[in-house]
Amino acid sequence: MAIHRFVIEDAEQSVVRLVLWLFNPSFRISSSNTSLSNAPTINAVKILYRVGNDLDQSAIADLMGNTEYETLSYPSRICSQISDLLELSTHVYPKSQQKLGEWNVGWLERSTESE
């Protein structure tokens, strides 16, 4: 299983908004939360994430260790949408499974090629 690491940067404000570790690139989840999806089951990617404008290069290095990561820059509204969706998805999990150490656990829906 590959693990992909990303730093999401706000292109308009030049600040890091999210640090993401993508695990389990394809799993099925059921949720009655219509804010996340209208489908009864969802193909998703599991993500460990940190949110914050206080993530400077030193903090990112501490979080990522000696691993490589890719920096992606998006407009503020896209960064906010990603952050909001991740925070909503976290609440699908039982309270005891919403964090892994200092990381939040969430997921994002994967689109399929036919969509």
Protein backbone atom coordinates (compact mmCIF):
# COMPACT_ATOMS: atom_id res chain seq x y z
CA MET A 1 0.00 0.00 0.00
CA ALA A 2 1.42 3.35 -1.02
CA ILE A 3 1.25 6.34 1.26
CA HIS A 4 1.18 9.76 -0.33
CA ARG A 5 1.96 12.95 1.57
CA PHE A 6 0.85 16.43 0.61
CA VAL A 7 1.10 19.94 1.93
CA ILE A 8 -1.85 22.07 0.81
CA GLU A 9 -0.90 25.71 0.53
CA ASP A 10 -3.24 28.68 0.21
CA ALA A 11 -2.02 30.29 -3.00
CA GLU A 12 -3.61 33.63 -2.18
CA GLN A 13 -2.27 33.98 1.36
CA SER A 14 0.96 31.97 0.96
CA VAL A 15 0.29 29.90 4.09
CA VAL A 16 0.06 26.16 4.66
CA ARG A 17 -3.55 25.22 5.33
CA LEU A 18 -3.39 21.41 5.51
CA VAL A 19 -0.93 18.56 5.80
CA LEU A 20 -2.29 15.28 4.41
CA TRP A 21 -1.23 11.64 4.52
CA LEU A 22 -3.27 9.55 2.10
CA PHE A 23 -3.67 5.95 3.21
CA ASN A 24 -5.86 3.21 1.80
CA PRO A 25 -6.51 4.77 -1.59
CA SER A 26 -9.79 2.95 -2.15
CA PHE A 27 -12.25 1.72 0.42
CA ARG A 28 -16.05 1.65 0.71
CA ILE A 29 -17.83 3.54 3.46
CA SER A 30 -21.51 3.85 4.34
CA SER A 31 -22.81 7.10 5.79
CA SER A 32 -26.19 8.66 6.36
CA ASN A 33 -24.56 12.12 6.39
CA THR A 34 -25.98 13.77 3.26
CA SER A 35 -23.51 16.68 3.65
CA LEU A 36 -20.82 14.32 2.42
CA SER A 37 -22.63 12.30 -0.25
CA ASN A 38 -26.10 11.30 -1.39
CA ALA A 39 -24.97 7.77 -2.21
CA PRO A 40 -25.60 4.97 0.33
CA THR A 41 -22.02 3.71 -0.07
CA ILE A 42 -19.05 5.80 -1.07
CA ASN A 43 -15.72 4.92 -2.67
CA ALA A 44 -13.23 6.96 -0.65
CA VAL A 45 -9.60 7.51 0.27
CA LYS A 46 -8.65 7.47 3.97
CA ILE A 47 -6.64 10.51 5.06
CA LEU A 48 -4.74 11.54 8.16
CA TYR A 49 -4.64 15.32 8.28
CA ARG A 50 -3.63 18.40 10.24
CA VAL A 51 -5.30 21.77 9.80
CA GLY A 52 -3.77 25.09 10.70
CA ASN A 53 -2.20 28.30 9.57
CA ASP A 54 0.58 27.86 12.11
CA LEU A 55 2.30 25.09 10.14
CA ASP A 56 5.65 26.54 9.13
CA GLN A 57 8.45 24.59 7.43
CA SER A 58 9.86 23.47 10.79
CA ALA A 59 6.48 22.11 11.95
CA ILE A 60 5.95 20.39 8.62
CA ALA A 61 9.40 18.77 8.83
CA ASP A 62 8.54 17.50 12.32
CA LEU A 63 5.22 16.09 11.09
CA MET A 64 6.60 14.48 7.95
CA GLY A 65 9.87 13.22 9.34
CA ASN A 66 12.41 12.47 6.63
CA THR A 67 9.78 11.53 4.05
CA GLU A 68 9.11 13.21 0.76
CA TYR A 69 5.93 15.16 0.16
CA GLU A 70 4.40 17.23 -2.59
CA THR A 71 3.24 20.81 -2.09
CA LEU A 72 0.00 21.74 -3.86
CA SER A 73 -1.26 25.33 -4.07
CA TYR A 74 -4.96 26.12 -4.36
CA PRO A 75 -7.14 29.22 -4.00
CA SER A 76 -8.41 29.96 -0.48
CA ARG A 77 -11.93 28.75 -1.20
CA ILE A 78 -10.67 25.35 -2.42
CA CYS A 79 -8.46 24.97 0.68
CA SER A 80 -11.48 25.77 2.85
CA GLN A 81 -13.67 23.27 0.99
CA ILE A 82 -11.12 20.49 1.43
CA SER A 83 -10.71 21.33 5.11
CA ASP A 84 -14.48 21.47 5.68
CA LEU A 85 -15.07 18.13 3.95
CA LEU A 86 -12.31 16.46 5.94
CA GLU A 87 -13.66 17.81 9.23
CA LEU A 88 -17.19 16.60 8.34
CA SER A 89 -15.86 13.16 7.40
CA THR A 90 -14.04 12.83 10.72
CA HIS A 91 -17.37 12.86 12.54
CA VAL A 92 -18.52 9.74 10.67
CA TYR A 93 -16.07 7.76 12.81
CA PRO A 94 -16.72 6.91 16.47
CA LYS A 95 -15.07 9.46 18.82
CA SER A 96 -12.34 6.95 19.75
CA GLN A 97 -11.33 6.60 16.07
CA GLN A 98 -11.33 10.27 15.05
CA LYS A 99 -7.67 10.84 15.93
CA LEU A 100 -4.45 8.91 15.53
CA GLY A 101 -1.94 10.62 17.79
CA GLU A 102 -1.84 14.27 16.75
CA TRP A 103 -3.48 13.52 13.37
CA ASN A 104 -7.19 13.74 12.57
CA VAL A 105 -8.68 10.79 10.66
CA GLY A 106 -11.00 11.50 7.76
CA TRP A 107 -11.73 10.60 4.17
CA LEU A 108 -12.60 12.17 0.85
CA GLU A 109 -14.84 10.68 -1.78
CA ARG A 110 -13.08 9.39 -4.87
CA SER A 111 -14.59 10.06 -8.23
CA THR A 112 -14.82 7.22 -10.67
CA GLU A 113 -13.78 7.44 -14.29
CA SER A 114 -17.41 7.20 -15.41
CA GLU A 115 -18.40 10.37 -13.49
